[in-house]
Amino acid sequence: MDSKMKKLFAVAIFGAMASALSSCSSQQTAWCSLEWPETEKQSLSGSCSFEDKKGKENNATIDFYSNDYSFVFPNSNNGKNYERENKDESIHFNHNGYVLTVYPDGEPKA
């Protein structure tokens, strides 16, 4: 492989890596709490990943890996089959008898 081809190959690999990194950059590590109000179910809390895409056709996605839960809340369905409430330090998703609270900046102080 001549030096010109090596340079093109290196640029292509770098571009692919930069693209992959930028596509993941909107996900952030957050803290999640999952509760089932008015039931005896134990609430869960722990680290999660959170991605909140803006716009009616996009989604908020939460992966609560420590407790084997993944959630997708399409922005277009807000007010139809779930309720979203944005607060200063958290975002609440109320859906089908559970409330998922996401703290984008990490575990809240007691």
Protein backbone atom coordinates (compact mmCIF):
# COMPACT_ATOMS: atom_id res chain seq x y z
CA MET A 1 0.00 0.00 0.00
CA ASP A 2 1.57 3.32 -1.01
CA SER A 3 1.66 6.33 1.33
CA LYS A 4 -1.23 8.09 -0.45
CA MET A 5 -3.50 5.03 0.06
CA LYS A 6 -2.38 4.72 3.71
CA LYS A 7 -3.26 8.36 4.29
CA LEU A 8 -6.71 7.96 2.70
CA PHE A 9 -7.33 4.80 4.73
CA ALA A 10 -6.32 6.56 7.97
CA VAL A 11 -8.60 9.52 7.18
CA ALA A 12 -11.51 7.16 6.44
CA ILE A 13 -11.00 5.26 9.72
CA PHE A 14 -10.73 8.51 11.69
CA GLY A 15 -13.93 9.81 10.06
CA ALA A 16 -15.81 6.63 10.91
CA MET A 17 -14.63 6.78 14.53
CA ALA A 18 -15.58 10.45 14.86
CA SER A 19 -19.00 9.72 13.41
CA ALA A 20 -19.56 6.84 15.82
CA LEU A 21 -18.50 8.96 18.79
CA SER A 22 -20.75 11.85 17.80
CA SER A 23 -23.77 9.57 17.39
CA CYS A 24 -23.31 8.32 20.97
CA SER A 25 -22.51 11.70 22.45
CA SER A 26 -26.13 12.64 23.06
CA GLN A 27 -26.53 9.74 25.49
CA GLN A 28 -25.56 10.58 29.00
CA THR A 29 -25.17 8.71 32.24
CA ALA A 30 -27.98 9.65 34.58
CA TRP A 31 -29.73 8.37 37.71
CA CYS A 32 -33.14 6.69 37.45
CA SER A 33 -35.84 5.84 39.91
CA LEU A 34 -38.72 3.52 38.99
CA GLU A 35 -41.82 3.43 41.20
CA TRP A 36 -45.26 1.84 41.10
CA PRO A 37 -47.43 4.22 43.17
CA GLU A 38 -50.28 2.75 45.20
CA THR A 39 -48.82 -0.77 44.99
CA GLU A 40 -46.64 -2.93 47.21
CA LYS A 41 -43.95 -3.19 44.53
CA GLN A 42 -40.48 -2.19 45.68
CA SER A 43 -39.10 0.92 43.97
CA LEU A 44 -35.82 0.64 42.08
CA SER A 45 -33.05 3.15 41.57
CA GLY A 46 -29.61 3.24 40.00
CA SER A 47 -27.46 4.41 37.13
CA CYS A 48 -29.02 4.55 33.69
CA SER A 49 -28.28 6.00 30.29
CA PHE A 50 -30.54 8.74 29.00
CA GLU A 51 -30.95 10.23 25.54
CA ASP A 52 -33.48 12.96 24.92
CA LYS A 53 -33.94 13.89 21.28
CA LYS A 54 -35.92 17.05 20.65
CA GLY A 55 -38.78 17.37 18.22
CA LYS A 56 -42.19 15.80 17.86
CA GLU A 57 -41.00 12.82 15.82
CA ASN A 58 -38.09 11.92 18.13
CA ASN A 59 -37.83 9.93 21.33
CA ALA A 60 -36.57 9.99 24.86
CA THR A 61 -34.80 6.69 25.52
CA ILE A 62 -33.71 5.34 28.87
CA ASP A 63 -31.69 2.19 29.45
CA PHE A 64 -31.86 1.14 33.08
CA TYR A 65 -29.37 -1.70 32.71
CA SER A 66 -28.80 -2.35 36.41
CA ASN A 67 -32.43 -3.43 36.64
CA ASP A 68 -32.96 -4.87 33.13
CA TYR A 69 -35.38 -2.19 31.93
CA SER A 70 -35.33 -0.19 28.71
CA PHE A 71 -37.83 2.54 27.87
CA VAL A 72 -38.66 4.52 24.75
CA PHE A 73 -41.03 7.46 25.04
CA PRO A 74 -41.89 8.89 21.59
CA ASN A 75 -42.33 12.65 21.89
CA SER A 76 -45.35 12.43 19.58
CA ASN A 77 -47.17 10.27 22.18
CA ASN A 78 -46.68 12.64 25.11
CA GLY A 79 -50.12 13.30 26.54
CA LYS A 80 -51.63 10.34 24.69
CA ASN A 81 -50.31 7.19 26.35
CA TYR A 82 -47.85 8.71 28.82
CA GLU A 83 -47.36 11.99 30.65
CA ARG A 84 -44.00 13.75 30.79
CA GLU A 85 -43.23 16.37 33.41
CA ASN A 86 -39.99 18.36 33.23
CA LYS A 87 -38.72 19.77 36.52
CA ASP A 88 -35.54 21.66 37.36
CA GLU A 89 -33.53 18.57 38.38
CA SER A 90 -35.56 15.70 36.95
CA ILE A 91 -37.90 14.43 34.27
CA HIS A 92 -40.89 12.26 35.19
CA PHE A 93 -42.53 9.78 32.83
CA ASN A 94 -45.89 8.47 34.07
CA HIS A 95 -47.07 5.43 32.08
CA ASN A 96 -49.28 2.39 32.76
CA GLY A 97 -49.16 2.61 36.55
CA TYR A 98 -45.46 3.32 36.96
CA VAL A 99 -43.44 6.51 37.27
CA LEU A 100 -39.92 6.66 35.89
CA THR A 101 -37.90 9.62 37.16
CA VAL A 102 -34.66 10.53 35.39
CA TYR A 103 -32.08 12.78 37.05
CA PRO A 104 -29.90 13.79 34.07
CA ASP A 105 -27.16 15.24 36.29
CA GLY A 106 -26.75 12.04 38.33
CA GLU A 107 -27.86 10.79 41.72
CA PRO A 108 -29.78 13.49 43.60
CA LYS A 109 -28.47 14.75 46.92
CA ALA A 110 -30.56 13.66 49.89
